[in-house]
Protein backbone atom coordinates (compact mmCIF):
# COMPACT_ATOMS: atom_id res chain seq x y z
CA MET A 1 -46.41 192.12 105.41
CA ASN A 2 -48.09 189.02 104.04
CA ILE A 3 -49.87 189.54 100.70
CA ASN A 4 -53.27 187.86 100.45
CA ILE A 5 -54.96 188.99 97.24
CA GLY A 6 -56.31 185.60 96.21
CA ILE A 7 -53.34 184.73 94.00
CA SER A 8 -50.75 182.26 95.29
CA ASP A 9 -47.16 183.33 95.92
CA ASP A 10 -45.96 181.07 93.11
CA HIS A 11 -48.44 182.52 90.62
CA ARG A 12 -47.65 186.09 91.65
CA LYS A 13 -43.95 185.41 91.14
CA LYS A 14 -44.49 183.92 87.64
CA ILE A 15 -46.77 186.79 86.67
CA ALA A 16 -44.34 189.42 87.99
CA GLN A 17 -41.46 187.82 86.09
CA GLY A 18 -43.48 187.80 82.87
CA LEU A 19 -44.68 191.36 83.37
CA SER A 20 -41.09 192.44 84.00
CA ARG A 21 -40.18 191.16 80.54
CA VAL A 22 -43.19 192.97 79.04
CA LEU A 23 -42.11 196.12 80.89
CA ALA A 24 -38.53 195.82 79.60
CA ASP A 25 -39.67 195.25 76.01
CA SER A 26 -42.14 198.12 76.25
CA TYR A 27 -39.52 200.46 77.68
CA MET A 28 -37.02 199.59 74.97
CA VAL A 29 -39.63 200.17 72.25
CA TYR A 30 -40.52 203.46 73.96
CA LEU A 31 -36.86 204.50 73.93
CA LYS A 32 -36.36 203.49 70.31
CA THR A 33 -39.58 205.22 69.20
CA HIS A 34 -38.60 208.42 71.00
CA ASN A 35 -35.16 208.28 69.37
CA TYR A 36 -36.77 207.88 65.96
CA HIS A 37 -39.12 210.79 66.67
CA TRP A 38 -36.10 213.01 67.29
CA ASN A 39 -34.00 211.74 64.41
CA VAL A 40 -36.32 210.89 61.51
CA THR A 41 -35.55 212.77 58.28
CA GLY A 42 -36.70 212.71 54.68
CA GLN A 43 -39.91 213.15 52.74
CA LEU A 44 -42.01 211.41 55.38
CA PHE A 45 -40.57 213.46 58.25
CA HIS A 46 -43.77 215.26 59.21
CA SER A 47 -46.07 212.23 59.22
CA LEU A 48 -43.56 209.88 60.88
CA HIS A 49 -42.47 212.47 63.44
CA GLY A 50 -46.10 212.84 64.54
CA MET A 51 -46.86 209.12 64.44
CA PHE A 52 -43.78 208.28 66.51
CA GLU A 53 -44.79 210.91 69.07
CA GLU A 54 -48.25 209.37 69.43
CA GLN A 55 -46.67 205.94 69.85
CA TYR A 56 -44.08 206.89 72.47
CA THR A 57 -46.66 208.90 74.42
CA GLU A 58 -48.97 205.88 74.57
CA LEU A 59 -46.03 203.65 75.56
CA ALA A 60 -45.04 206.01 78.39
CA GLU A 61 -48.46 205.56 79.97
CA ALA A 62 -48.41 201.81 79.40
CA ILE A 63 -44.99 201.44 81.02
CA ASP A 64 -46.33 203.08 84.16
CA GLU A 65 -49.38 200.79 84.23
CA ILE A 66 -47.28 197.67 83.78
CA ALA A 67 -44.85 198.68 86.53
CA GLU A 68 -47.71 199.51 88.89
CA ARG A 69 -49.30 196.12 88.23
CA ILE A 70 -46.03 194.41 89.16
CA ARG A 71 -45.98 196.44 92.38
CA SER A 72 -49.63 195.71 93.13
CA ILE A 73 -48.98 191.96 93.14
CA GLY A 74 -46.12 192.44 95.59
CA TYR A 75 -42.95 192.57 93.51
CA ARG A 76 -40.37 195.20 92.70
CA ALA A 77 -40.65 196.58 89.18
CA PRO A 78 -37.36 196.71 87.28
CA GLY A 79 -36.43 200.30 86.61
CA SER A 80 -32.85 200.61 85.42
CA PHE A 81 -31.47 200.45 81.92
CA ARG A 82 -29.25 197.56 83.03
CA GLU A 83 -32.26 195.57 84.23
CA PHE A 84 -34.23 196.34 81.09
CA SER A 85 -31.25 195.35 78.91
CA GLU A 86 -31.04 191.98 80.67
CA LEU A 87 -34.79 191.29 80.39
CA THR A 88 -35.65 192.60 76.94
CA SER A 89 -36.04 190.80 73.62
CA ILE A 90 -35.79 194.09 71.70
CA GLU A 91 -32.59 194.68 69.77
CA GLU A 92 -30.89 197.99 70.40
CA ASP A 93 -29.85 200.04 67.38
CA THR A 94 -26.15 200.24 66.61
CA ASP A 95 -26.63 202.51 63.62
CA GLN A 96 -28.78 205.40 62.41
CA PRO A 97 -31.47 203.87 60.16
CA ASP A 98 -33.31 205.80 57.46
CA ALA A 99 -37.01 206.57 57.87
CA MET A 100 -38.38 203.40 56.29
CA GLU A 101 -35.96 201.20 58.22
CA MET A 102 -37.16 202.92 61.40
CA VAL A 103 -40.72 201.97 60.48
CA ARG A 104 -39.71 198.39 59.70
CA ARG A 105 -37.79 197.98 62.95
CA LEU A 106 -40.66 199.36 65.01
CA ALA A 107 -43.09 196.98 63.29
CA VAL A 108 -40.83 194.06 64.22
CA ASP A 109 -40.40 195.39 67.76
CA ASN A 110 -44.15 195.75 68.32
CA GLU A 111 -44.58 192.16 67.16
CA THR A 112 -41.89 191.15 69.66
CA VAL A 113 -43.80 192.84 72.49
CA LEU A 114 -46.90 190.94 71.38
CA ARG A 115 -45.10 187.61 71.66
CA THR A 116 -43.64 188.50 75.06
CA ALA A 117 -47.05 189.61 76.36
CA ARG A 118 -48.70 186.41 75.13
CA GLU A 119 -46.22 184.36 77.17
CA VAL A 120 -47.61 185.86 80.40
CA LEU A 121 -51.23 184.92 79.73
CA PRO A 122 -51.12 181.23 80.76
CA ALA A 123 -49.85 182.08 84.27
CA CYS A 124 -52.49 184.82 84.59
CA GLU A 125 -55.27 182.50 83.45
CA GLU A 126 -54.11 179.70 85.75
CA ALA A 127 -54.06 182.14 88.69
CA GLY A 128 -57.41 183.74 87.83
CA ASP A 129 -55.65 187.12 87.67
CA GLU A 130 -58.25 189.04 85.69
CA ALA A 131 -56.61 192.43 86.29
CA THR A 132 -53.37 191.34 84.64
CA ILE A 133 -55.30 189.58 81.88
CA ASP A 134 -57.10 192.88 81.18
CA LEU A 135 -53.80 194.76 81.12
CA ILE A 136 -52.19 192.23 78.77
CA THR A 137 -55.27 192.15 76.54
CA GLU A 138 -55.10 195.93 76.18
CA ARG A 139 -51.39 195.74 75.33
CA LEU A 140 -52.08 193.04 72.74
CA ASP A 141 -54.69 195.26 71.11
CA VAL A 142 -52.45 198.34 71.05
CA HIS A 143 -49.33 196.56 69.78
CA SER A 144 -51.30 194.63 67.14
CA LYS A 145 -52.77 197.85 65.80
CA THR A 146 -49.44 199.69 65.97
CA ALA A 147 -47.62 196.88 64.13
CA TRP A 148 -50.34 196.87 61.45
CA MET A 149 -50.10 200.64 60.97
CA LEU A 150 -46.33 200.48 60.72
CA ARG A 151 -46.43 197.56 58.27
CA SER A 152 -48.92 199.52 56.15
CA HIS A 153 -46.26 202.18 55.58
CA LEU A 154 -44.01 199.52 54.08
CA GLU A 155 -46.42 198.36 51.36
């Protein structure tokens, strides 16, 4: 079926490609945050365990919203680990970091998601895609605040 939502095919494709990268980065941060929730140890266990849970819970909802936006503009949302691995800018852990290194890595990762999300905005603005702009703006707010809170633990 032809899609006629007031956004050109070319713009929808660019937006979907950008959102797919945001989705992949978000999913990888979700996965890493959930891993850290399970595996954090040390004096800050209780506070970090709870903070990581809040963060991965928020990310789980965001991932769904991002994927649904991709679908709503007529594209398939990536959904496999292989696809996410190919699209993401987030580095996967190859070790078991201590608590403060977990916090540092998540601060860096949230900043990475911010940069990836910002890259989508020009295509959205050019297309007049206010719904995606709203979604990206919300993600920018959440990841900015999360990165700040994580960095505050490192001071």
